[in-house]
Protein backbone atom coordinates (compact mmCIF):
# COMPACT_ATOMS: atom_id res chain seq x y z
CA UNK A 1 65.78 139.07 71.72
CA UNK A 2 63.51 137.00 69.56
CA UNK A 3 65.52 134.53 67.51
CA UNK A 4 64.32 131.59 65.53
CA UNK A 5 65.54 128.28 66.88
CA UNK A 6 68.39 126.77 64.91
CA UNK A 7 67.69 123.69 62.84
CA UNK A 8 64.04 124.15 61.96
CA UNK A 9 62.67 122.56 58.80
CA UNK A 10 62.25 125.82 56.82
CA UNK A 11 65.92 126.64 57.52
CA UNK A 12 67.04 123.19 56.39
CA UNK A 13 64.93 123.45 53.25
CA UNK A 14 66.44 126.82 52.43
CA UNK A 15 69.99 125.47 52.76
CA UNK A 16 69.12 122.48 50.60
CA UNK A 17 67.91 124.84 47.89
CA UNK A 18 71.16 126.81 48.20
CA UNK A 19 73.14 123.55 47.87
CA UNK A 20 71.13 122.56 44.80
CA UNK A 21 71.78 125.96 43.22
CA UNK A 22 75.52 125.55 43.95
CA UNK A 23 75.52 122.19 42.18
CA UNK A 24 73.75 123.70 39.20
CA UNK A 25 76.29 126.53 39.00
CA UNK A 26 79.18 124.05 39.25
CA UNK A 27 77.63 121.88 36.54
CA UNK A 28 77.33 124.90 34.26
CA UNK A 29 80.85 126.10 34.91
CA UNK A 30 82.69 122.77 34.85
CA UNK A 31 80.69 120.96 32.21
CA UNK A 32 78.38 118.01 32.36
CA UNK A 33 81.02 115.37 31.64
CA UNK A 34 83.29 116.63 34.41
CA UNK A 35 80.44 116.68 36.86
CA UNK A 36 79.35 113.14 35.95
CA UNK A 37 82.96 111.92 36.38
CA UNK A 38 83.11 113.61 39.78
CA UNK A 39 79.82 112.03 40.91
CA UNK A 40 80.96 108.59 39.66
CA UNK A 41 84.22 108.96 41.60
CA UNK A 42 82.35 109.93 44.74
CA UNK A 43 80.07 106.90 44.36
CA UNK A 44 83.07 104.58 43.97
CA UNK A 45 84.77 106.03 47.05
CA UNK A 46 81.56 105.79 49.07
CA UNK A 47 81.01 102.20 48.01
CA UNK A 48 84.62 101.35 48.91
CA UNK A 49 84.30 102.86 52.37
CA UNK A 50 80.99 101.06 52.94
CA UNK A 51 82.48 97.74 51.81
CA UNK A 52 85.55 98.18 53.98
CA UNK A 53 83.49 98.97 57.02
CA UNK A 54 81.12 96.05 56.48
CA UNK A 55 83.96 93.58 55.81
CA UNK A 56 85.85 94.68 58.89
CA UNK A 57 82.89 94.04 61.14
CA UNK A 58 82.63 90.53 62.62
CA UNK A 59 79.58 88.50 61.71
CA UNK A 60 76.93 88.21 64.40
CA UNK A 61 76.95 84.96 66.33
CA UNK A 62 74.24 82.46 65.51
CA UNK A 63 71.70 81.84 68.21
CA UNK A 64 71.56 78.24 69.32
CA UNK A 65 68.24 76.77 70.28
CA UNK A 66 68.35 74.31 73.15
CA UNK A 67 65.54 71.97 73.93
CA UNK A 68 64.41 71.47 77.48
CA UNK A 69 64.52 67.98 78.90
């Protein structure tokens, strides 16, 4: 059987177009204001997760430079 390998760039581009069309359909059905509120909420949640992950990580240790005698 001849099958196209999974994950090629044309396949990815096709699914990105499908996702873009889905967003356009949702924007039309739900309304622009609702969609903007949803996107703003997702941005706030994403920023919160990013901040929590970066604050929970210990700071890298400073490298000390020692002089030779």
